[in-house]
Amino acid sequence: MTDQATVAPVGTRRVRTTGWLQEYGVYLAVAGLLVFNLLFTANFLSTANFRTQLVQAAPVCVVALGMALVIGTEGVDLSVGAVMSLAAALVPLYLGYGVVPSIVVALLVGLAAGLFNGFLVAYVGIQPIVATLALLVGGRGLALVIAHGRLVEVHAPAFRALGTDDVLGVPISVLVAAVLAVVVGLLVGRTTFGRRIVAVGGNRSASTLAGLPVRRVLLGVYAICGLLAAVAGVLATARLGASDPADVGLLMELSAITAVVVGGTPLTGGRVRVLGTVLGALLMQLVRATLIKHDLPDSTAQMVQAAIIVVAVYAAREQSSR
């Protein structure tokens, strides 16, 4: 009896600690990095630096928003980087028809890629990690074929404005990411579709028995994820002023999954935290920028990301076991 009484409070405290870490850890991490950079990083407060960090974080944020919906259904999409690459390869191919048609084509192909993934998961019954792995490999290969394996410069001023111009002092790419975050937040919190995402992720069998359109929900979230990945590919191409299918979106799936998990959305599904995902994307950018500014290689940032994932997954597991 004494041993049990002693162990219980320790377990309770551990669960409370991990629960707090999952709920508020991303806020603390972002605040801590900001304070560290304010104290030890030169020119961190400059407007140019803040602009750079936000513009570079925007594509990650956009992809992570789609990934959060997929993970909310207890799935995953490993093809987001390849879809970004495919969108980047298509933009210069159709710019001769105008900026809007080229963007529309890129977005439609991203939507089609998402529908393909969703069909394999929802209607064929293939596990998400396997279904999206096919497009992870094939999508980037197709992008390289389209671009003939080379970097293609984009000179259209109207298109490049998406990555360089401002609206009321806010970079267009950041504004696009912010608007999409609000839309996804409203989708999750205020619509029937959003509630169904959470229900399917929480218990797919019970959702099926309750008569929810589980297959359509799965098809929808993968379609949205593919569409948002294409948006990110367009934004990345506009910022770089060039289409490089070999590099655009490389390892984006890692960054997006990290942002989602760190933001408090568990890999086991049943919950979607939109604000946490946005902050998670910002955290990933701040980690990378901080390490680079202090003369550490980019490979170190990848190792730090891996460590962050381990901590976030551990916190989510403890909460789930409770």
Protein backbone atom coordinates (compact mmCIF):
# COMPACT_ATOMS: atom_id res chain seq x y z
CA MET A 1 0.00 0.00 0.00
CA THR A 2 2.83 2.37 0.88
CA ASP A 3 4.63 1.70 -2.40
CA GLN A 4 1.47 2.34 -4.43
CA ALA A 5 0.75 5.55 -2.59
CA THR A 6 4.30 6.73 -3.23
CA VAL A 7 4.31 5.87 -6.93
CA ALA A 8 0.95 7.38 -7.86
CA PRO A 9 1.83 11.04 -7.16
CA VAL A 10 5.09 10.68 -9.14
CA GLY A 11 3.19 9.30 -12.14
CA THR A 12 0.60 12.03 -11.82
CA ARG A 13 3.26 14.73 -11.73
CA ARG A 14 4.94 13.23 -14.79
CA VAL A 15 1.67 13.21 -16.73
CA ARG A 16 0.95 16.79 -15.71
CA THR A 17 4.43 17.85 -16.77
CA THR A 18 4.23 16.19 -20.18
CA GLY A 19 0.70 17.52 -20.63
CA TRP A 20 1.89 21.04 -19.91
CA LEU A 21 4.82 20.49 -22.28
CA GLN A 22 2.50 19.40 -25.08
CA GLU A 23 0.10 22.29 -24.51
CA TYR A 24 2.53 25.15 -23.96
CA GLY A 25 5.99 23.87 -24.88
CA VAL A 26 5.99 25.50 -28.31
CA TYR A 27 5.14 28.90 -26.79
CA LEU A 28 7.97 28.57 -24.28
CA ALA A 29 10.44 27.41 -26.94
CA VAL A 30 9.65 30.30 -29.30
CA ALA A 31 9.85 32.82 -26.44
CA GLY A 32 13.14 31.33 -25.25
CA LEU A 33 14.70 31.49 -28.71
CA LEU A 34 13.55 35.08 -29.16
CA VAL A 35 15.12 36.10 -25.84
CA PHE A 36 18.34 34.26 -26.67
CA ASN A 37 18.63 35.99 -30.04
CA LEU A 38 17.82 39.38 -28.57
CA LEU A 39 20.71 38.95 -26.14
CA PHE A 40 23.32 37.15 -28.23
CA THR A 41 22.57 37.59 -31.95
CA ALA A 42 23.71 40.77 -33.68
CA ASN A 43 21.12 42.75 -35.68
CA PHE A 44 18.34 40.36 -34.68
CA LEU A 45 15.97 43.26 -34.02
CA SER A 46 16.39 44.71 -37.50
CA THR A 47 13.32 44.92 -39.72
CA ALA A 48 15.19 43.18 -42.53
CA ASN A 49 15.97 40.19 -40.30
CA PHE A 50 12.40 39.82 -39.08
CA ARG A 51 11.17 40.02 -42.66
CA THR A 52 13.64 37.37 -43.77
CA GLN A 53 12.67 34.96 -40.98
CA LEU A 54 8.95 35.32 -41.66
CA VAL A 55 9.31 34.96 -45.43
CA GLN A 56 11.42 31.81 -45.04
CA ALA A 57 8.97 30.34 -42.51
CA ALA A 58 5.90 31.00 -44.70
CA PRO A 59 6.20 27.93 -47.00
CA VAL A 60 6.82 25.64 -44.00
CA CYS A 61 3.77 27.09 -42.28
CA VAL A 62 1.56 26.56 -45.34
CA VAL A 63 2.64 22.93 -45.76
CA ALA A 64 2.34 22.27 -42.02
CA LEU A 65 -1.28 23.48 -42.02
CA GLY A 66 -2.19 20.79 -44.53
CA MET A 67 -0.11 18.22 -42.68
CA ALA A 68 -1.92 19.05 -39.44
CA LEU A 69 -5.26 18.11 -41.02
CA VAL A 70 -3.85 14.81 -42.27
CA ILE A 71 -2.22 13.96 -38.94
CA GLY A 72 -5.49 14.92 -37.25
CA THR A 73 -7.03 11.87 -38.98
CA GLU A 74 -4.13 9.68 -37.75
CA GLY A 75 -2.44 9.82 -41.16
CA VAL A 76 0.69 11.32 -42.65
CA ASP A 77 1.69 12.73 -46.04
CA LEU A 78 5.30 12.14 -47.02
CA SER A 79 4.80 13.54 -50.52
CA VAL A 80 4.47 17.26 -49.66
CA GLY A 81 8.06 18.08 -50.63
CA ALA A 82 7.67 16.30 -53.97
CA VAL A 83 4.41 18.14 -54.64
CA MET A 84 6.19 21.43 -53.94
CA SER A 85 8.89 20.41 -56.41
CA LEU A 86 6.28 19.48 -59.02
CA ALA A 87 4.49 22.82 -58.62
CA ALA A 88 7.80 24.66 -58.92
CA ALA A 89 8.61 22.82 -62.15
CA LEU A 90 5.22 23.60 -63.70
CA VAL A 91 5.16 27.36 -63.04
CA PRO A 92 7.85 28.40 -65.58
CA LEU A 93 6.46 25.90 -68.08
CA TYR A 94 3.14 27.77 -68.26
CA LEU A 95 4.25 31.35 -67.56
CA GLY A 96 4.01 32.05 -71.27
CA TYR A 97 0.22 31.86 -70.90
CA GLY A 98 0.27 34.36 -68.03
CA VAL A 99 0.99 34.42 -64.31
CA VAL A 100 -2.51 33.40 -63.19
CA PRO A 101 -2.82 30.38 -65.54
CA SER A 102 0.62 29.12 -64.51
CA ILE A 103 -0.29 29.32 -60.82
CA VAL A 104 -3.70 27.71 -61.42
CA VAL A 105 -2.07 24.77 -63.25
CA ALA A 106 0.42 24.28 -60.40
CA LEU A 107 -2.35 24.35 -57.79
CA LEU A 108 -4.56 21.96 -59.76
CA VAL A 109 -1.71 19.47 -60.06
CA GLY A 110 -1.13 19.74 -56.30
CA LEU A 111 -4.83 19.14 -55.71
CA ALA A 112 -4.75 16.13 -58.04
CA ALA A 113 -1.73 14.72 -56.20
CA GLY A 114 -3.59 15.07 -52.91
CA LEU A 115 -6.68 13.39 -54.34
CA PHE A 116 -4.49 10.54 -55.58
CA ASN A 117 -3.03 10.06 -52.10
CA GLY A 118 -6.47 10.31 -50.53
CA PHE A 119 -7.93 7.77 -52.92
CA LEU A 120 -5.19 5.25 -52.10
CA VAL A 121 -5.71 5.75 -48.36
CA ALA A 122 -9.51 6.04 -48.23
CA TYR A 123 -10.73 3.77 -50.99
CA VAL A 124 -7.89 1.33 -51.69
CA GLY A 125 -7.02 0.94 -48.01
CA ILE A 126 -3.26 1.46 -48.30
CA GLN A 127 -1.48 2.70 -45.18
CA PRO A 128 -0.80 6.47 -45.46
CA ILE A 129 2.97 6.15 -45.09
CA VAL A 130 3.08 3.66 -47.99
CA ALA A 131 0.55 5.46 -50.19
CA THR A 132 2.31 8.82 -49.97
CA LEU A 133 5.79 7.27 -50.26
CA ALA A 134 4.99 6.41 -53.90
CA LEU A 135 4.43 10.07 -54.75
CA LEU A 136 7.42 11.12 -52.63
CA VAL A 137 9.65 9.26 -55.09
CA GLY A 138 7.65 9.60 -58.30
CA GLY A 139 6.62 13.24 -57.86
CA ARG A 140 10.12 14.64 -57.62
CA GLY A 141 11.25 12.38 -60.45
CA LEU A 142 8.45 13.75 -62.65
CA ALA A 143 9.41 17.32 -61.66
CA LEU A 144 13.00 16.68 -62.73
CA VAL A 145 11.80 15.29 -66.06
CA ILE A 146 9.59 18.36 -66.65
CA ALA A 147 12.48 20.71 -65.88
CA HIS A 148 14.98 18.54 -67.77
CA GLY A 149 16.94 18.19 -64.55
CA ARG A 150 18.06 21.79 -64.42
CA LEU A 151 17.35 25.05 -62.65
CA VAL A 152 15.03 27.37 -64.57
CA GLU A 153 15.10 31.10 -63.83
CA VAL A 154 11.78 32.94 -63.56
CA HIS A 155 11.89 36.51 -64.86
CA ALA A 156 8.20 37.49 -64.83
CA PRO A 157 8.01 40.54 -62.47
CA ALA A 158 4.35 39.95 -61.64
CA PHE A 159 5.10 36.41 -60.48
CA ARG A 160 8.28 37.29 -58.57
CA ALA A 161 6.29 39.96 -56.72
CA LEU A 162 4.66 37.14 -54.75
CA GLY A 163 8.02 36.49 -53.11
CA THR A 164 9.43 40.02 -52.93
CA ASP A 165 6.64 42.60 -52.59
CA ASP A 166 4.64 43.79 -49.59
CA VAL A 167 1.03 44.70 -48.89
CA LEU A 168 0.76 47.38 -46.20
CA GLY A 169 4.28 46.51 -45.10
CA VAL A 170 3.60 42.75 -44.83
CA PRO A 171 5.34 40.42 -47.32
CA ILE A 172 2.81 38.81 -49.66
CA SER A 173 3.99 35.29 -48.86
CA VAL A 174 3.55 35.95 -45.13
CA LEU A 175 0.12 37.41 -45.77
CA VAL A 176 -0.87 34.32 -47.78
CA ALA A 177 0.32 32.04 -44.95
CA ALA A 178 -1.60 34.09 -42.37
CA VAL A 179 -4.83 34.03 -44.39
CA LEU A 180 -4.54 30.27 -44.92
CA ALA A 181 -3.93 29.77 -41.19
CA VAL A 182 -7.14 31.67 -40.42
CA VAL A 183 -9.06 29.67 -43.04
CA VAL A 184 -7.79 26.33 -41.72
CA GLY A 185 -8.50 27.46 -38.15
CA LEU A 186 -12.10 28.27 -39.07
CA LEU A 187 -12.37 25.00 -40.99
CA VAL A 188 -11.31 22.98 -37.95
CA GLY A 189 -13.15 24.93 -35.30
CA ARG A 190 -16.33 26.12 -36.98
CA THR A 191 -17.38 23.59 -39.64
CA THR A 192 -18.89 20.12 -39.72
CA PHE A 193 -15.98 18.93 -41.83
CA GLY A 194 -13.54 20.06 -39.14
CA ARG A 195 -15.43 18.21 -36.43
CA ARG A 196 -15.45 15.10 -38.61
CA ILE A 197 -11.67 15.31 -39.02
CA VAL A 198 -11.26 15.19 -35.24
CA ALA A 199 -13.85 12.40 -34.92
CA VAL A 200 -12.22 10.22 -37.58
CA GLY A 201 -8.79 10.71 -36.02
CA GLY A 202 -10.10 9.99 -32.55
CA ASN A 203 -11.83 6.73 -33.45
CA ARG A 204 -12.26 5.73 -37.09
CA SER A 205 -14.30 2.60 -36.32
CA ALA A 206 -16.75 4.49 -34.14
CA SER A 207 -17.03 7.22 -36.79
CA THR A 208 -17.90 4.62 -39.40
CA LEU A 209 -20.52 3.04 -37.14
CA ALA A 210 -21.96 6.48 -36.44
CA GLY A 211 -22.52 6.97 -40.17
CA LEU A 212 -19.87 9.63 -40.78
CA PRO A 213 -18.48 9.79 -44.34
CA VAL A 214 -15.02 8.63 -43.27
CA ARG A 215 -13.74 8.03 -46.80
CA ARG A 216 -14.79 11.48 -47.99
CA VAL A 217 -13.16 13.08 -44.96
CA LEU A 218 -9.88 11.28 -45.65
CA LEU A 219 -10.04 12.17 -49.34
CA GLY A 220 -10.69 15.79 -48.39
CA VAL A 221 -7.79 16.22 -45.97
CA TYR A 222 -5.25 14.72 -48.39
CA ALA A 223 -6.61 16.90 -51.20
CA ILE A 224 -6.22 20.02 -49.03
CA CYS A 225 -2.72 18.94 -48.03
CA GLY A 226 -1.68 18.51 -51.67
CA LEU A 227 -3.19 21.87 -52.60
CA LEU A 228 -1.37 23.68 -49.78
CA ALA A 229 1.91 21.98 -50.69
CA ALA A 230 1.49 23.35 -54.22
CA VAL A 231 0.83 26.83 -52.78
CA ALA A 232 4.09 26.53 -50.84
CA GLY A 233 5.91 25.46 -54.00
CA VAL A 234 4.63 28.54 -55.83
CA LEU A 235 5.68 30.83 -52.96
CA ALA A 236 9.14 29.24 -52.74
CA THR A 237 9.66 29.62 -56.50
CA ALA A 238 8.60 33.27 -56.38
CA ARG A 239 10.98 33.99 -53.50
CA LEU A 240 13.94 32.28 -55.16
CA GLY A 241 13.18 33.69 -58.61
CA ALA A 242 13.92 30.26 -60.03
CA SER A 243 12.54 26.75 -60.23
CA ASP A 244 14.91 24.08 -58.96
CA PRO A 245 12.98 20.79 -58.66
CA ALA A 246 16.00 19.04 -57.14
CA ASP A 247 16.05 21.44 -54.19
CA VAL A 248 12.57 22.96 -53.71
CA GLY A 249 10.71 21.18 -50.93
CA LEU A 250 13.64 18.94 -50.03
CA LEU A 251 13.03 17.43 -46.56
CA MET A 252 9.90 19.60 -46.25
CA GLU A 253 7.98 16.59 -44.94
CA LEU A 254 10.33 16.49 -41.94
CA SER A 255 9.92 20.20 -41.21
CA ALA A 256 6.13 20.05 -41.58
CA ILE A 257 5.68 16.98 -39.37
CA THR A 258 7.96 18.53 -36.76
CA ALA A 259 6.00 21.79 -36.77
CA VAL A 260 2.70 19.92 -36.38
CA VAL A 261 3.87 17.61 -33.58
CA VAL A 262 5.71 20.34 -31.69
CA GLY A 263 2.59 22.49 -32.03
CA GLY A 264 0.61 19.96 -30.00
CA THR A 265 -1.19 17.87 -32.64
CA PRO A 266 -0.58 14.23 -31.65
CA LEU A 267 0.50 11.67 -34.24
CA THR A 268 -2.32 9.46 -32.94
CA GLY A 269 -4.88 11.90 -34.37
CA GLY A 270 -8.10 13.17 -32.84
CA ARG A 271 -6.90 16.73 -32.44
CA VAL A 272 -5.70 19.62 -34.64
CA ARG A 273 -3.96 22.65 -33.18
CA VAL A 274 -3.69 25.34 -35.86
CA LEU A 275 -2.04 28.12 -33.83
CA GLY A 276 0.41 25.62 -32.36
CA THR A 277 1.27 24.45 -35.90
CA VAL A 278 1.99 28.02 -37.01
CA LEU A 279 4.24 28.58 -34.00
CA GLY A 280 5.88 25.21 -34.62
CA ALA A 281 6.78 26.30 -38.16
CA LEU A 282 8.19 29.56 -36.80
CA LEU A 283 10.16 27.63 -34.19
CA MET A 284 11.76 25.42 -36.86
CA GLN A 285 12.84 28.51 -38.79
CA LEU A 286 14.19 30.21 -35.67
CA VAL A 287 16.18 27.12 -34.69
CA ARG A 288 17.79 26.91 -38.11
CA ALA A 289 18.46 30.65 -38.34
CA THR A 290 19.91 30.81 -34.82
CA LEU A 291 22.33 27.96 -35.42
CA ILE A 292 23.47 29.37 -38.77
CA LYS A 293 23.98 32.86 -37.33
CA HIS A 294 26.22 31.29 -34.68
CA ASP A 295 28.33 29.51 -37.32
CA LEU A 296 26.88 26.03 -36.87
CA PRO A 297 26.17 23.91 -39.99
CA ASP A 298 22.68 23.24 -41.29
CA SER A 299 23.14 19.55 -40.44
CA THR A 300 23.14 20.56 -36.78
CA ALA A 301 19.69 22.10 -37.24
CA GLN A 302 18.43 18.79 -38.61
CA MET A 303 19.75 16.96 -35.54
CA VAL A 304 18.08 19.51 -33.27
CA GLN A 305 14.83 19.01 -35.17
CA ALA A 306 15.10 15.27 -34.60
CA ALA A 307 15.60 15.83 -30.88
CA ILE A 308 12.58 18.15 -30.76
CA ILE A 309 10.44 15.49 -32.47
CA VAL A 310 11.50 12.88 -29.88
CA VAL A 311 10.54 15.18 -26.99
CA ALA A 312 7.21 16.15 -28.60
CA VAL A 313 6.28 12.55 -29.41
CA TYR A 314 7.17 11.47 -25.86
CA ALA A 315 4.93 14.18 -24.39
CA ALA A 316 2.09 13.17 -26.71
CA ARG A 317 2.51 9.49 -25.81
CA GLU A 318 2.33 10.22 -22.10
CA GLN A 319 -0.82 12.26 -22.58
CA SER A 320 -2.36 9.53 -24.72
CA SER A 321 -1.57 6.86 -22.13
CA ARG A 322 -3.31 8.96 -19.51
